[in-house]
């Protein structure tokens, strides 16, 4: 049960124009995320997950629907409001290190850089940088350039940069995509540490379903729609299909394959239960 909504998407569409063609990247996405949640959005390439994340980050505008993040309405946001949104509400971690860190600045200066546009004094900036370095255990590398630290250290440094202005929302696009399993686990545990200690809402987009083991809730996407939800409490995992605002539901392929249901089926309902039944054609006499 979500106590207070941080992110609310309803009937969200995104259409890209490519030459004379229109590509529908999001098809009526409904999604609620509460304050302080740690979730992943999982899907294959082309599922719409990165498009959704870019909308939540304020980098893309939705074509239709409603999307509210905190006090910001991202459907009607103007350029000035978008700048304020990205400065105060959201921090972003990219898969590519070159987008996260300035190569000619040391890690300390990279973390301080986003604060330069704020009203913080030099003393306040130094205090906040020192706090983030201690919090994420970056003391041993703070004076190094990005090229002189490991991939995992670069991503943890990127988390510190994203948290520089103390945003309530942290978004990460494939943050472990270029890392080995051991380093990926370390980076994901740092994100959990941020979530648990700062109360930051953390949303991780990935193609890797194993990340479900590191979050409390996982959203599955396919063909521009939210198709399933996985809830994890301690060692127990529960998986659900998602019914969108139009009453649509996508049935997992493995269930369809086992039932041998193809293009049509009949529905029966009994109070809280809905059954999907294969239609058996009668032989003509």
C-alpha atoms as a PDB file:
ATOM      1  CA  UNK A   1       0.000   0.000   0.000  1.00  0.00           C
ATOM      2  CA  UNK A   2       1.523   3.330  -1.125  1.00  0.00           C
ATOM      3  CA  UNK A   3       1.123   5.908   1.652  1.00  0.00           C
ATOM      4  CA  UNK A   4       1.997   9.076  -0.303  1.00  0.00           C
ATOM      5  CA  UNK A   5       2.569   9.307  -4.048  1.00  0.00           C
ATOM      6  CA  UNK A   6       5.852  10.713  -5.321  1.00  0.00           C
ATOM      7  CA  UNK A   7       5.285   9.755  -8.968  1.00  0.00           C
ATOM      8  CA  UNK A   8       1.879   9.363 -10.608  1.00  0.00           C
ATOM      9  CA  UNK A   9       1.550   8.471 -14.310  1.00  0.00           C
ATOM     10  CA  UNK A  10      -1.888   7.972 -15.859  1.00  0.00           C
ATOM     11  CA  UNK A  11      -2.569   7.004 -19.486  1.00  0.00           C
ATOM     12  CA  UNK A  12       0.922   8.139 -20.509  1.00  0.00           C
ATOM     13  CA  UNK A  13       1.735   8.161 -24.232  1.00  0.00           C
ATOM     14  CA  UNK A  14       4.909   9.123 -26.084  1.00  0.00           C
ATOM     15  CA  UNK A  15       4.995   9.254 -29.881  1.00  0.00           C
ATOM     16  CA  UNK A  16       8.187   9.952 -31.827  1.00  0.00           C
ATOM     17  CA  UNK A  17       8.133  11.093 -35.448  1.00  0.00           C
ATOM     18  CA  UNK A  18      10.783   9.436 -37.615  1.00  0.00           C
ATOM     19  CA  UNK A  19      10.670  10.819 -41.177  1.00  0.00           C
ATOM     20  CA  UNK A  20       7.062  10.242 -42.219  1.00  0.00           C
ATOM     21  CA  UNK A  21       6.485   7.543 -39.609  1.00  0.00           C
ATOM     22  CA  UNK A  22       5.126   7.757 -36.073  1.00  0.00           C
ATOM     23  CA  UNK A  23       6.667   5.427 -33.487  1.00  0.00           C
ATOM     24  CA  UNK A  24       4.623   4.853 -30.337  1.00  0.00           C
ATOM     25  CA  UNK A  25       7.126   4.336 -27.503  1.00  0.00           C
ATOM     26  CA  UNK A  26       4.644   4.462 -24.599  1.00  0.00           C
ATOM     27  CA  UNK A  27       1.085   3.174 -24.872  1.00  0.00           C
ATOM     28  CA  UNK A  28      -1.081   4.327 -21.978  1.00  0.00           C
ATOM     29  CA  UNK A  29       1.337   3.735 -19.076  1.00  0.00           C
ATOM     30  CA  UNK A  30      -0.182   3.794 -15.572  1.00  0.00           C
ATOM     31  CA  UNK A  31       2.348   3.863 -12.735  1.00  0.00           C
ATOM     32  CA  UNK A  32       2.346   4.942  -9.085  1.00  0.00           C
ATOM     33  CA  UNK A  33       5.540   5.226  -7.011  1.00  0.00           C
ATOM     34  CA  UNK A  34       5.493   6.266  -3.376  1.00  0.00           C
ATOM     35  CA  UNK A  35       7.927   8.508  -1.530  1.00  0.00           C
ATOM     36  CA  UNK A  36      10.942   6.533  -0.315  1.00  0.00           C
ATOM     37  CA  UNK A  37      10.417   3.506  -2.582  1.00  0.00           C
ATOM     38  CA  UNK A  38      13.274   1.531  -4.140  1.00  0.00           C
ATOM     39  CA  UNK A  39      12.065   0.067  -7.432  1.00  0.00           C
ATOM     40  CA  UNK A  40      13.312  -1.198 -10.782  1.00  0.00           C
ATOM     41  CA  UNK A  41      11.699  -0.890 -14.203  1.00  0.00           C
ATOM     42  CA  UNK A  42      12.689  -3.957 -16.228  1.00  0.00           C
ATOM     43  CA  UNK A  43      12.275  -4.533 -19.938  1.00  0.00           C
ATOM     44  CA  UNK A  44      14.042  -5.498 -23.144  1.00  0.00           C
ATOM     45  CA  UNK A  45      15.334  -2.975 -25.651  1.00  0.00           C
ATOM     46  CA  UNK A  46      12.354  -1.165 -27.207  1.00  0.00           C
ATOM     47  CA  UNK A  47      10.037  -1.828 -24.252  1.00  0.00           C
ATOM     48  CA  UNK A  48       9.710   1.900 -23.480  1.00  0.00           C
ATOM     49  CA  UNK A  49      11.537   1.847 -20.143  1.00  0.00           C
ATOM     50  CA  UNK A  50      14.203   4.426 -21.045  1.00  0.00           C
ATOM     51  CA  UNK A  51      11.612   6.702 -22.656  1.00  0.00           C
ATOM     52  CA  UNK A  52       9.611   6.590 -19.424  1.00  0.00           C
ATOM     53  CA  UNK A  53      12.724   7.393 -17.392  1.00  0.00           C
ATOM     54  CA  UNK A  54      13.597  10.332 -19.660  1.00  0.00           C
ATOM     55  CA  UNK A  55      10.095  11.739 -19.142  1.00  0.00           C
ATOM     56  CA  UNK A  56      10.444  11.360 -15.366  1.00  0.00           C
ATOM     57  CA  UNK A  57      13.817  13.135 -15.600  1.00  0.00           C
ATOM     58  CA  UNK A  58      12.319  16.042 -17.536  1.00  0.00           C
ATOM     59  CA  UNK A  59      14.386  15.341 -20.669  1.00  0.00           C
ATOM     60  CA  UNK A  60      11.372  14.328 -22.784  1.00  0.00           C
ATOM     61  CA  UNK A  61       7.794  15.626 -22.838  1.00  0.00           C
ATOM     62  CA  UNK A  62       4.898  13.141 -22.930  1.00  0.00           C
ATOM     63  CA  UNK A  63       2.581  13.261 -25.951  1.00  0.00           C
ATOM     64  CA  UNK A  64      -0.542  12.650 -23.866  1.00  0.00           C
ATOM     65  CA  UNK A  65      -1.670  11.547 -20.421  1.00  0.00           C
ATOM     66  CA  UNK A  66      -0.792  12.863 -16.981  1.00  0.00           C
ATOM     67  CA  UNK A  67       2.511  12.670 -15.101  1.00  0.00           C
ATOM     68  CA  UNK A  68       3.037  14.265 -11.704  1.00  0.00           C
ATOM     69  CA  UNK A  69       6.339  14.118  -9.798  1.00  0.00           C
ATOM     70  CA  UNK A  70       6.170  15.760  -6.396  1.00  0.00           C
ATOM     71  CA  UNK A  71       4.666  19.205  -6.997  1.00  0.00           C
ATOM     72  CA  UNK A  72       5.635  19.252 -10.687  1.00  0.00           C
ATOM     73  CA  UNK A  73       3.188  18.582 -13.528  1.00  0.00           C
ATOM     74  CA  UNK A  74       5.510  17.308 -16.264  1.00  0.00           C
ATOM     75  CA  UNK A  75       2.858  17.450 -18.996  1.00  0.00           C
ATOM     76  CA  UNK A  76       2.513  21.226 -18.818  1.00  0.00           C
ATOM     77  CA  UNK A  77       6.015  22.130 -17.659  1.00  0.00           C
ATOM     78  CA  UNK A  78       7.833  24.988 -19.446  1.00  0.00           C
ATOM     79  CA  UNK A  79      11.585  25.254 -20.059  1.00  0.00           C
ATOM     80  CA  UNK A  80      12.286  27.394 -16.982  1.00  0.00           C
ATOM     81  CA  UNK A  81      10.306  25.035 -14.748  1.00  0.00           C
ATOM     82  CA  UNK A  82      12.089  22.029 -16.289  1.00  0.00           C
ATOM     83  CA  UNK A  83      15.475  23.509 -15.330  1.00  0.00           C
ATOM     84  CA  UNK A  84      14.271  24.069 -11.754  1.00  0.00           C
ATOM     85  CA  UNK A  85      12.817  20.548 -11.688  1.00  0.00           C
ATOM     86  CA  UNK A  86      16.105  18.929 -12.729  1.00  0.00           C
ATOM     87  CA  UNK A  87      18.036  21.102 -10.281  1.00  0.00           C
ATOM     88  CA  UNK A  88      15.889  20.533  -7.187  1.00  0.00           C
ATOM     89  CA  UNK A  89      13.700  17.440  -7.598  1.00  0.00           C
ATOM     90  CA  UNK A  90      15.704  14.793  -9.449  1.00  0.00           C
ATOM     91  CA  UNK A  91      19.229  13.385  -9.703  1.00  0.00           C
ATOM     92  CA  UNK A  92      20.234  11.212 -12.663  1.00  0.00           C
ATOM     93  CA  UNK A  93      22.835   8.449 -13.096  1.00  0.00           C
ATOM     94  CA  UNK A  94      23.656   7.437 -16.670  1.00  0.00           C
ATOM     95  CA  UNK A  95      25.092   4.129 -17.851  1.00  0.00           C
ATOM     96  CA  UNK A  96      27.930   5.920 -19.683  1.00  0.00           C
ATOM     97  CA  UNK A  97      30.499   7.389 -17.296  1.00  0.00           C
ATOM     98  CA  UNK A  98      31.234  10.251 -19.704  1.00  0.00           C
ATOM     99  CA  UNK A  99      27.752  11.636 -19.063  1.00  0.00           C
ATOM    100  CA  UNK A 100      28.096  11.432 -15.280  1.00  0.00           C
ATOM    101  CA  UNK A 101      31.556  12.860 -14.639  1.00  0.00           C
ATOM    102  CA  UNK A 102      33.637  15.696 -16.113  1.00  0.00           C
ATOM    103  CA  UNK A 103      36.895  13.950 -17.161  1.00  0.00           C
ATOM    104  CA  UNK A 104      39.293  16.808 -16.301  1.00  0.00           C
ATOM    105  CA  UNK A 105      37.898  17.370 -12.768  1.00  0.00           C
ATOM    106  CA  UNK A 106      38.758  15.205  -9.774  1.00  0.00           C
ATOM    107  CA  UNK A 107      35.953  13.372  -7.983  1.00  0.00           C
ATOM    108  CA  UNK A 108      35.686  16.018  -5.251  1.00  0.00           C
ATOM    109  CA  UNK A 109      35.218  18.790  -7.836  1.00  0.00           C
ATOM    110  CA  UNK A 110      32.740  16.688  -9.818  1.00  0.00           C
ATOM    111  CA  UNK A 111      30.556  16.325  -6.730  1.00  0.00           C
ATOM    112  CA  UNK A 112      30.799  20.054  -5.979  1.00  0.00           C
ATOM    113  CA  UNK A 113      30.028  21.142  -9.562  1.00  0.00           C
ATOM    114  CA  UNK A 114      26.180  20.830  -9.446  1.00  0.00           C
ATOM    115  CA  UNK A 115      26.158  22.976  -6.282  1.00  0.00           C
ATOM    116  CA  UNK A 116      27.826  25.903  -8.068  1.00  0.00           C
ATOM    117  CA  UNK A 117      24.464  27.017  -9.472  1.00  0.00           C
ATOM    118  CA  UNK A 118      22.896  27.021  -5.992  1.00  0.00           C
ATOM    119  CA  UNK A 119      22.929  29.683  -3.273  1.00  0.00           C
ATOM    120  CA  UNK A 120      25.274  27.654  -1.083  1.00  0.00           C
ATOM    121  CA  UNK A 121      28.406  29.317   0.258  1.00  0.00           C
ATOM    122  CA  UNK A 122      31.844  27.766  -0.312  1.00  0.00           C
ATOM    123  CA  UNK A 123      31.814  26.502   3.280  1.00  0.00           C
ATOM    124  CA  UNK A 124      28.361  24.938   2.843  1.00  0.00           C
ATOM    125  CA  UNK A 125      29.402  23.300  -0.431  1.00  0.00           C
ATOM    126  CA  UNK A 126      32.547  21.868   1.148  1.00  0.00           C
ATOM    127  CA  UNK A 127      30.566  20.505   4.071  1.00  0.00           C
ATOM    128  CA  UNK A 128      28.057  18.806   1.769  1.00  0.00           C
ATOM    129  CA  UNK A 129      30.767  17.334  -0.483  1.00  0.00           C
ATOM    130  CA  UNK A 130      32.649  15.986   2.540  1.00  0.00           C
ATOM    131  CA  UNK A 131      29.426  14.469   3.861  1.00  0.00           C
ATOM    132  CA  UNK A 132      28.690  12.672   0.568  1.00  0.00           C
ATOM    133  CA  UNK A 133      32.271  11.430   0.271  1.00  0.00           C
ATOM    134  CA  UNK A 134      32.100   9.986   3.791  1.00  0.00           C
ATOM    135  CA  UNK A 135      28.602   8.598   3.263  1.00  0.00           C
ATOM    136  CA  UNK A 136      29.532   6.718   0.069  1.00  0.00           C
ATOM    137  CA  UNK A 137      33.072   5.851   1.231  1.00  0.00           C
ATOM    138  CA  UNK A 138      34.870   7.769  -1.531  1.00  0.00           C
ATOM    139  CA  UNK A 139      37.649   9.226   0.637  1.00  0.00           C
ATOM    140  CA  UNK A 140      40.450   7.237  -0.990  1.00  0.00           C
ATOM    141  CA  UNK A 141      39.594   8.396  -4.538  1.00  0.00           C
ATOM    142  CA  UNK A 142      38.258  11.943  -4.033  1.00  0.00           C
ATOM    143  CA  UNK A 143      41.442  13.569  -5.406  1.00  0.00           C
ATOM    144  CA  UNK A 144      41.665  11.329  -8.486  1.00  0.00           C
ATOM    145  CA  UNK A 145      40.439  11.930 -12.030  1.00  0.00           C
ATOM    146  CA  UNK A 146      37.634   9.651 -13.321  1.00  0.00           C
ATOM    147  CA  UNK A 147      40.040   7.847 -15.680  1.00  0.00           C
ATOM    148  CA  UNK A 148      42.152   6.757 -12.711  1.00  0.00           C
ATOM    149  CA  UNK A 149      39.422   4.892 -10.828  1.00  0.00           C
ATOM    150  CA  UNK A 150      37.493   1.670 -11.521  1.00  0.00           C
ATOM    151  CA  UNK A 151      34.131   1.429 -13.287  1.00  0.00           C
ATOM    152  CA  UNK A 152      32.355   0.675 -10.021  1.00  0.00           C
ATOM    153  CA  UNK A 153      34.008   3.639  -8.302  1.00  0.00           C
ATOM    154  CA  UNK A 154      32.963   5.843 -11.218  1.00  0.00           C
ATOM    155  CA  UNK A 155      29.323   4.822 -10.812  1.00  0.00           C
ATOM    156  CA  UNK A 156      29.356   5.353  -7.039  1.00  0.00           C
ATOM    157  CA  UNK A 157      30.925   8.770  -7.685  1.00  0.00           C
ATOM    158  CA  UNK A 158      28.110   9.432 -10.170  1.00  0.00           C
ATOM    159  CA  UNK A 159      25.586   8.654  -7.423  1.00  0.00           C
ATOM    160  CA  UNK A 160      27.299  11.270  -5.236  1.00  0.00           C
ATOM    161  CA  UNK A 161      27.103  13.819  -8.080  1.00  0.00           C
ATOM    162  CA  UNK A 162      23.405  13.034  -8.577  1.00  0.00           C
ATOM    163  CA  UNK A 163      22.785  13.598  -4.847  1.00  0.00           C
ATOM    164  CA  UNK A 164      24.749  16.868  -4.701  1.00  0.00           C
ATOM    165  CA  UNK A 165      21.656  19.088  -4.559  1.00  0.00           C
ATOM    166  CA  UNK A 166      19.821  16.687  -2.220  1.00  0.00           C
ATOM    167  CA  UNK A 167      17.022  15.710  -4.642  1.00  0.00           C
ATOM    168  CA  UNK A 168      14.198  13.575  -3.232  1.00  0.00           C
ATOM    169  CA  UNK A 169      14.261  11.419  -6.408  1.00  0.00           C
ATOM    170  CA  UNK A 170      17.200   9.459  -7.873  1.00  0.00           C
ATOM    171  CA  UNK A 171      16.842   7.977 -11.370  1.00  0.00           C
ATOM    172  CA  UNK A 172      19.369   5.529 -12.822  1.00  0.00           C
ATOM    173  CA  UNK A 173      19.456   4.349 -16.444  1.00  0.00           C
ATOM    174  CA  UNK A 174      21.188   0.944 -16.718  1.00  0.00           C
ATOM    175  CA  UNK A 175      23.719   1.893 -13.983  1.00  0.00           C
ATOM    176  CA  UNK A 176      25.243  -1.605 -13.974  1.00  0.00           C
ATOM    177  CA  UNK A 177      25.118  -2.230 -17.728  1.00  0.00           C
ATOM    178  CA  UNK A 178      28.896  -2.016 -18.186  1.00  0.00           C
ATOM    179  CA  UNK A 179      29.906  -3.654 -14.887  1.00  0.00           C
ATOM    180  CA  UNK A 180      30.672  -7.241 -13.850  1.00  0.00           C
ATOM    181  CA  UNK A 181      28.359  -9.051 -11.414  1.00  0.00           C
ATOM    182  CA  UNK A 182      30.387  -8.342  -8.278  1.00  0.00           C
ATOM    183  CA  UNK A 183      30.767  -4.633  -9.033  1.00  0.00           C
ATOM    184  CA  UNK A 184      27.097  -4.399 -10.047  1.00  0.00           C
ATOM    185  CA  UNK A 185      26.060  -5.774  -6.661  1.00  0.00           C
ATOM    186  CA  UNK A 186      28.244  -3.196  -4.905  1.00  0.00           C
ATOM    187  CA  UNK A 187      26.700  -0.293  -6.866  1.00  0.00           C
ATOM    188  CA  UNK A 188      23.152  -1.545  -6.258  1.00  0.00           C
ATOM    189  CA  UNK A 189      23.820  -1.916  -2.542  1.00  0.00           C
ATOM    190  CA  UNK A 190      25.055   1.702  -2.481  1.00  0.00           C
ATOM    191  CA  UNK A 191      21.739   2.745  -4.024  1.00  0.00           C
ATOM    192  CA  UNK A 192      19.869   0.773  -1.380  1.00  0.00           C
ATOM    193  CA  UNK A 193      22.036   2.454   1.268  1.00  0.00           C
ATOM    194  CA  UNK A 194      21.043   5.883  -0.120  1.00  0.00           C
ATOM    195  CA  UNK A 195      17.387   4.866  -0.141  1.00  0.00           C
ATOM    196  CA  UNK A 196      17.398   3.552   3.419  1.00  0.00           C
ATOM    197  CA  UNK A 197      19.480   6.333   5.000  1.00  0.00           C
ATOM    198  CA  UNK A 198      18.390   9.426   3.053  1.00  0.00           C
ATOM    199  CA  UNK A 199      14.809   8.322   2.335  1.00  0.00           C
ATOM    200  CA  UNK A 200      15.452   9.063  -1.349  1.00  0.00           C
ATOM    201  CA  UNK A 201      13.029   7.561  -3.868  1.00  0.00           C
ATOM    202  CA  UNK A 202      15.191   5.428  -6.191  1.00  0.00           C
ATOM    203  CA  UNK A 203      14.069   4.241  -9.649  1.00  0.00           C
ATOM    204  CA  UNK A 204      16.444   1.977 -11.609  1.00  0.00           C
ATOM    205  CA  UNK A 205      15.832   1.160 -15.281  1.00  0.00           C
ATOM    206  CA  UNK A 206      17.432  -2.063 -16.521  1.00  0.00           C
ATOM    207  CA  UNK A 207      17.167  -4.969 -18.939  1.00  0.00           C
ATOM    208  CA  UNK A 208      18.520  -7.344 -16.261  1.00  0.00           C
ATOM    209  CA  UNK A 209      15.782  -9.161 -14.270  1.00  0.00           C
ATOM    210  CA  UNK A 210      18.351 -10.137 -11.596  1.00  0.00           C
ATOM    211  CA  UNK A 211      18.121  -6.572 -10.272  1.00  0.00           C
ATOM    212  CA  UNK A 212      14.700  -7.555  -8.889  1.00  0.00           C
ATOM    213  CA  UNK A 213      16.649  -9.193  -6.038  1.00  0.00           C
ATOM    214  CA  UNK A 214      18.033  -5.797  -4.951  1.00  0.00           C
ATOM    215  CA  UNK A 215      14.814  -3.736  -4.894  1.00  0.00           C
ATOM    216  CA  UNK A 216      11.512  -3.841  -3.029  1.00  0.00           C
ATOM    217  CA  UNK A 217       9.287  -3.600  -6.106  1.00  0.00           C
ATOM    218  CA  UNK A 218       9.898  -4.282  -9.770  1.00  0.00           C
ATOM    219  CA  UNK A 219       7.824  -3.082 -12.722  1.00  0.00           C
ATOM    220  CA  UNK A 220       7.921  -5.098 -15.962  1.00  0.00           C
ATOM    221  CA  UNK A 221       7.459  -3.319 -19.307  1.00  0.00           C
ATOM    222  CA  UNK A 222       6.830  -4.680 -22.793  1.00  0.00           C
ATOM    223  CA  UNK A 223       5.801  -2.932 -26.022  1.00  0.00           C
ATOM    224  CA  UNK A 224       5.374   0.430 -24.294  1.00  0.00           C
ATOM    225  CA  UNK A 225       3.104  -0.885 -21.529  1.00  0.00           C
ATOM    226  CA  UNK A 226       3.412  -1.898 -17.892  1.00  0.00           C
ATOM    227  CA  UNK A 227       2.667  -5.623 -17.913  1.00  0.00           C
ATOM    228  CA  UNK A 228       3.624  -6.966 -14.488  1.00  0.00           C
ATOM    229  CA  UNK A 229       4.663  -6.055 -10.973  1.00  0.00           C
ATOM    230  CA  UNK A 230       6.848  -8.021  -8.569  1.00  0.00           C
ATOM    231  CA  UNK A 231       6.751  -7.285  -4.825  1.00  0.00           C
ATOM    232  CA  UNK A 232       9.525  -8.534  -2.578  1.00  0.00           C
ATOM    233  CA  UNK A 233       9.266  -8.769   1.203  1.00  0.00           C
ATOM    234  CA  UNK A 234      12.375 -10.315   2.753  1.00  0.00           C
ATOM    235  CA  UNK A 235      12.760 -13.657   0.942  1.00  0.00           C
ATOM    236  CA  UNK A 236       9.167 -13.829  -0.297  1.00  0.00           C
ATOM    237  CA  UNK A 237       8.374 -12.689  -3.840  1.00  0.00           C
ATOM    238  CA  UNK A 238       4.884 -12.081  -5.262  1.00  0.00           C
ATOM    239  CA  UNK A 239       4.246 -11.438  -8.961  1.00  0.00           C
ATOM    240  CA  UNK A 240       1.163  -9.710 -10.390  1.00  0.00           C
ATOM    241  CA  UNK A 241      -0.158  -8.730 -13.801  1.00  0.00           C
ATOM    242  CA  UNK A 242      -1.174  -5.087 -14.166  1.00  0.00           C
ATOM    243  CA  UNK A 243      -4.604  -3.891 -15.342  1.00  0.00           C
ATOM    244  CA  UNK A 244      -4.294  -0.480 -17.020  1.00  0.00           C
ATOM    245  CA  UNK A 245      -6.794   2.395 -16.899  1.00  0.00           C
ATOM    246  CA  UNK A 246      -8.490   1.052 -20.051  1.00  0.00           C
ATOM    247  CA  UNK A 247      -9.029  -2.399 -18.516  1.00  0.00           C
ATOM    248  CA  UNK A 248      -6.225  -3.908 -20.583  1.00  0.00           C
ATOM    249  CA  UNK A 249      -3.946  -6.655 -19.292  1.00  0.00           C
ATOM    250  CA  UNK A 250      -1.010  -8.472 -20.913  1.00  0.00           C
ATOM    251  CA  UNK A 251      -0.766 -12.148 -20.053  1.00  0.00           C
ATOM    252  CA  UNK A 252       2.783 -13.507 -19.555  1.00  0.00           C
ATOM    253  CA  UNK A 253       3.930 -15.534 -22.553  1.00  0.00           C
ATOM    254  CA  UNK A 254       4.853 -18.569 -20.440  1.00  0.00           C
ATOM    255  CA  UNK A 255       1.269 -18.811 -19.144  1.00  0.00           C
ATOM    256  CA  UNK A 256      -0.175 -18.517 -22.653  1.00  0.00           C
ATOM    257  CA  UNK A 257       2.195 -21.204 -23.905  1.00  0.00           C
ATOM    258  CA  UNK A 258       1.243 -23.650 -21.147  1.00  0.00           C
ATOM    259  CA  UNK A 259      -2.484 -23.066 -21.636  1.00  0.00           C
ATOM    260  CA  UNK A 260      -2.162 -23.262 -25.443  1.00  0.00           C
ATOM    261  CA  UNK A 261      -4.533 -20.298 -25.743  1.00  0.00           C
ATOM    262  CA  UNK A 262      -3.973 -18.486 -29.028  1.00  0.00           C
ATOM    263  CA  UNK A 263      -5.907 -15.523 -30.465  1.00  0.00           C
ATOM    264  CA  UNK A 264      -9.257 -15.876 -28.660  1.00  0.00           C
ATOM    265  CA  UNK A 265     -10.495 -17.003 -25.243  1.00  0.00           C
ATOM    266  CA  UNK A 266     -13.648 -16.847 -23.150  1.00  0.00           C
ATOM    267  CA  UNK A 267     -13.855 -15.148 -19.750  1.00  0.00           C
ATOM    268  CA  UNK A 268     -15.777 -16.251 -16.685  1.00  0.00           C
ATOM    269  CA  UNK A 269     -15.880 -14.448 -13.343  1.00  0.00           C
ATOM    270  CA  UNK A 270     -16.777 -15.444  -9.806  1.00  0.00           C
ATOM    271  CA  UNK A 271     -16.615 -12.584  -7.273  1.00  0.00           C
ATOM    272  CA  UNK A 272     -12.869 -11.910  -6.911  1.00  0.00           C
ATOM    273  CA  UNK A 273     -11.715 -14.423  -9.551  1.00  0.00           C
ATOM    274  CA  UNK A 274     -11.521 -14.143 -13.342  1.00  0.00           C
ATOM    275  CA  UNK A 275     -10.846 -17.234 -15.447  1.00  0.00           C
ATOM    276  CA  UNK A 276      -9.484 -17.239 -18.983  1.00  0.00           C
ATOM    277  CA  UNK A 277     -10.673 -20.293 -20.887  1.00  0.00           C
ATOM    278  CA  UNK A 278      -9.472 -21.801 -24.121  1.00  0.00           C
ATOM    279  CA  UNK A 279     -12.120 -21.962 -26.824  1.00  0.00           C
ATOM    280  CA  UNK A 280     -12.486 -25.519 -28.099  1.00  0.00           C
ATOM    281  CA  UNK A 281     -13.963 -25.600 -31.586  1.00  0.00           C
ATOM    282  CA  UNK A 282     -16.696 -28.151 -32.202  1.00  0.00           C
ATOM    283  CA  UNK A 283     -16.295 -30.525 -35.118  1.00  0.00           C
ATOM    284  CA  UNK A 284     -18.833 -29.920 -37.827  1.00  0.00           C
ATOM    285  CA  UNK A 285     -21.155 -32.823 -38.461  1.00  0.00           C
END
